[in-house]
Amino acid sequence: MGGKPCIRGLRVTVGTLVGLIASGYSHQDIIALYPYLDSNDITEALRFAAWRSEEIELPLVAA
């Protein structure tokens, strides 16, 4: 998946799940679309996205 974070090694990205939630899909709607996921997968995707949004990236400076 091009290095994007995925759910349990499946071909569903965190971005896909966060996008569906942002578009108004419920956990039940998403599980109907991806029956191999469970509610905890969606919660973990949101948790990861929240953590990642707070992470700070600093440029490397040559010594």
N, C-alpha and C. Protein backbone atom coordinates (compact mmCIF):
# COMPACT_ATOMS: atom_id res chain seq x y z
N MET A 1 0.83 -1.21 0.00
CA MET A 1 0.00 0.00 0.00
C MET A 1 0.86 1.26 0.00
N GLY A 2 2.03 1.16 -0.57
CA GLY A 2 2.88 2.33 -0.73
C GLY A 2 3.44 2.89 0.57
N GLY A 3 3.60 2.05 1.58
CA GLY A 3 4.14 2.51 2.85
C GLY A 3 3.13 3.16 3.77
N LYS A 4 1.88 3.18 3.38
CA LYS A 4 0.84 3.77 4.24
C LYS A 4 0.51 2.80 5.38
N PRO A 5 0.20 3.33 6.56
CA PRO A 5 -0.15 2.44 7.67
C PRO A 5 -1.47 1.71 7.39
N CYS A 6 -1.41 0.39 7.59
CA CYS A 6 -2.57 -0.47 7.32
C CYS A 6 -3.07 -1.13 8.60
N ILE A 7 -4.28 -1.63 8.53
CA ILE A 7 -4.90 -2.32 9.66
C ILE A 7 -4.50 -3.78 9.62
N ARG A 8 -3.83 -4.24 10.65
CA ARG A 8 -3.45 -5.65 10.83
C ARG A 8 -2.87 -6.30 9.59
N GLY A 9 -2.13 -5.54 8.80
CA GLY A 9 -1.52 -6.10 7.60
C GLY A 9 -2.50 -6.32 6.45
N LEU A 10 -3.73 -5.92 6.64
CA LEU A 10 -4.73 -6.03 5.58
C LEU A 10 -4.57 -4.86 4.62
N ARG A 11 -5.21 -4.92 3.49
CA ARG A 11 -5.08 -3.86 2.50
C ARG A 11 -6.15 -2.78 2.72
N VAL A 12 -6.27 -2.36 3.97
CA VAL A 12 -7.16 -1.26 4.34
C VAL A 12 -6.29 -0.27 5.11
N THR A 13 -6.19 0.95 4.61
CA THR A 13 -5.32 1.93 5.26
C THR A 13 -6.05 2.68 6.36
N VAL A 14 -5.25 3.21 7.26
CA VAL A 14 -5.78 4.07 8.31
C VAL A 14 -6.50 5.25 7.68
N GLY A 15 -5.92 5.81 6.62
CA GLY A 15 -6.53 6.94 5.93
C GLY A 15 -7.90 6.63 5.37
N THR A 16 -8.08 5.41 4.86
CA THR A 16 -9.39 5.01 4.35
C THR A 16 -10.42 5.03 5.46
N LEU A 17 -10.08 4.45 6.60
CA LEU A 17 -11.04 4.39 7.71
C LEU A 17 -11.32 5.77 8.28
N VAL A 18 -10.29 6.57 8.45
CA VAL A 18 -10.50 7.93 8.97
C VAL A 18 -11.35 8.74 7.99
N GLY A 19 -11.11 8.58 6.70
CA GLY A 19 -11.91 9.28 5.70
C GLY A 19 -13.38 8.87 5.74
N LEU A 20 -13.63 7.57 5.92
CA LEU A 20 -15.01 7.10 6.02
C LEU A 20 -15.71 7.68 7.25
N ILE A 21 -15.01 7.68 8.38
CA ILE A 21 -15.59 8.27 9.60
C ILE A 21 -15.88 9.75 9.38
N ALA A 22 -14.93 10.46 8.77
CA ALA A 22 -15.11 11.90 8.51
C ALA A 22 -16.27 12.16 7.56
N SER A 23 -16.57 11.19 6.70
CA SER A 23 -17.68 11.33 5.76
C SER A 23 -19.03 10.94 6.36
N GLY A 24 -19.01 10.54 7.62
CA GLY A 24 -20.28 10.24 8.30
C GLY A 24 -20.63 8.77 8.41
N TYR A 25 -19.75 7.89 7.97
CA TYR A 25 -20.02 6.46 8.10
C TYR A 25 -19.90 6.04 9.57
N SER A 26 -20.78 5.17 10.02
CA SER A 26 -20.69 4.64 11.39
C SER A 26 -19.78 3.42 11.39
N HIS A 27 -19.42 2.98 12.59
CA HIS A 27 -18.62 1.75 12.69
C HIS A 27 -19.35 0.60 12.00
N GLN A 28 -20.65 0.52 12.20
CA GLN A 28 -21.44 -0.56 11.59
C GLN A 28 -21.42 -0.47 10.06
N ASP A 29 -21.51 0.74 9.53
CA ASP A 29 -21.45 0.94 8.07
C ASP A 29 -20.11 0.44 7.52
N ILE A 30 -19.04 0.79 8.22
CA ILE A 30 -17.70 0.42 7.75
C ILE A 30 -17.51 -1.10 7.82
N ILE A 31 -17.99 -1.71 8.89
CA ILE A 31 -17.88 -3.16 9.03
C ILE A 31 -18.70 -3.87 7.94
N ALA A 32 -19.80 -3.27 7.54
CA ALA A 32 -20.58 -3.85 6.44
C ALA A 32 -19.79 -3.79 5.12
N LEU A 33 -19.02 -2.70 4.93
CA LEU A 33 -18.20 -2.56 3.73
C LEU A 33 -16.97 -3.47 3.77
N TYR A 34 -16.40 -3.63 4.96
CA TYR A 34 -15.19 -4.43 5.17
C TYR A 34 -15.46 -5.45 6.27
N PRO A 35 -16.15 -6.54 5.96
CA PRO A 35 -16.59 -7.48 7.00
C PRO A 35 -15.45 -8.17 7.76
N TYR A 36 -14.23 -8.10 7.25
CA TYR A 36 -13.09 -8.71 7.94
C TYR A 36 -12.50 -7.77 9.00
N LEU A 37 -13.05 -6.57 9.14
CA LEU A 37 -12.65 -5.64 10.21
C LEU A 37 -13.62 -5.77 11.37
N ASP A 38 -13.17 -5.29 12.53
CA ASP A 38 -14.09 -5.20 13.66
C ASP A 38 -14.02 -3.78 14.23
N SER A 39 -14.87 -3.50 15.17
CA SER A 39 -14.97 -2.15 15.73
C SER A 39 -13.65 -1.70 16.34
N ASN A 40 -12.91 -2.62 16.94
CA ASN A 40 -11.62 -2.28 17.54
C ASN A 40 -10.63 -1.81 16.48
N ASP A 41 -10.67 -2.38 15.29
CA ASP A 41 -9.79 -1.93 14.20
C ASP A 41 -10.03 -0.46 13.88
N ILE A 42 -11.28 -0.07 13.86
CA ILE A 42 -11.64 1.32 13.55
C ILE A 42 -11.16 2.25 14.66
N THR A 43 -11.38 1.83 15.90
CA THR A 43 -10.92 2.62 17.05
C THR A 43 -9.41 2.78 17.02
N GLU A 44 -8.69 1.71 16.73
CA GLU A 44 -7.22 1.79 16.67
C GLU A 44 -6.75 2.68 15.53
N ALA A 45 -7.44 2.67 14.41
CA ALA A 45 -7.09 3.56 13.30
C ALA A 45 -7.25 5.02 13.72
N LEU A 46 -8.32 5.33 14.40
CA LEU A 46 -8.53 6.69 14.88
C LEU A 46 -7.50 7.08 15.93
N ARG A 47 -7.16 6.14 16.80
CA ARG A 47 -6.13 6.39 17.82
C ARG A 47 -4.79 6.67 17.16
N PHE A 48 -4.44 5.88 16.15
CA PHE A 48 -3.17 6.08 15.44
C PHE A 48 -3.16 7.44 14.74
N ALA A 49 -4.26 7.78 14.07
CA ALA A 49 -4.34 9.06 13.36
C ALA A 49 -4.20 10.23 14.33
N ALA A 50 -4.81 10.12 15.49
CA ALA A 50 -4.69 11.19 16.50
C ALA A 50 -3.26 11.32 16.98
N TRP A 51 -2.61 10.18 17.23
CA TRP A 51 -1.21 10.20 17.67
C TRP A 51 -0.33 10.81 16.59
N ARG A 52 -0.55 10.38 15.36
CA ARG A 52 0.30 10.84 14.25
C ARG A 52 0.14 12.34 14.00
N SER A 53 -1.05 12.84 14.21
CA SER A 53 -1.27 14.28 13.98
C SER A 53 -0.54 15.13 15.02
N GLU A 54 -0.20 14.56 16.15
CA GLU A 54 0.51 15.29 17.20
C GLU A 54 2.02 15.12 17.13
N GLU A 55 2.47 14.16 16.33
CA GLU A 55 3.90 13.88 16.22
C GLU A 55 4.58 15.03 15.50
N ILE A 56 5.77 15.36 15.94
CA ILE A 56 6.54 16.46 15.35
C ILE A 56 7.71 15.86 14.57
N GLU A 57 7.89 16.30 13.34
CA GLU A 57 9.03 15.87 12.55
C GLU A 57 10.03 17.01 12.48
N LEU A 58 11.25 16.69 12.83
CA LEU A 58 12.33 17.68 12.80
C LEU A 58 13.30 17.31 11.69
N PRO A 59 13.79 18.28 10.93
CA PRO A 59 14.75 17.97 9.87
C PRO A 59 16.09 17.56 10.48
N LEU A 60 16.76 16.65 9.80
CA LEU A 60 18.11 16.28 10.23
C LEU A 60 19.07 17.36 9.78
N VAL A 61 19.98 17.70 10.66
CA VAL A 61 20.98 18.72 10.37
C VAL A 61 22.34 18.04 10.31
N ALA A 62 23.07 18.25 9.23
CA ALA A 62 24.40 17.66 9.09
C ALA A 62 25.34 18.26 10.12
N ALA A 63 26.19 17.42 10.70
CA ALA A 63 27.12 17.88 11.73
C ALA A 63 28.26 18.65 11.14
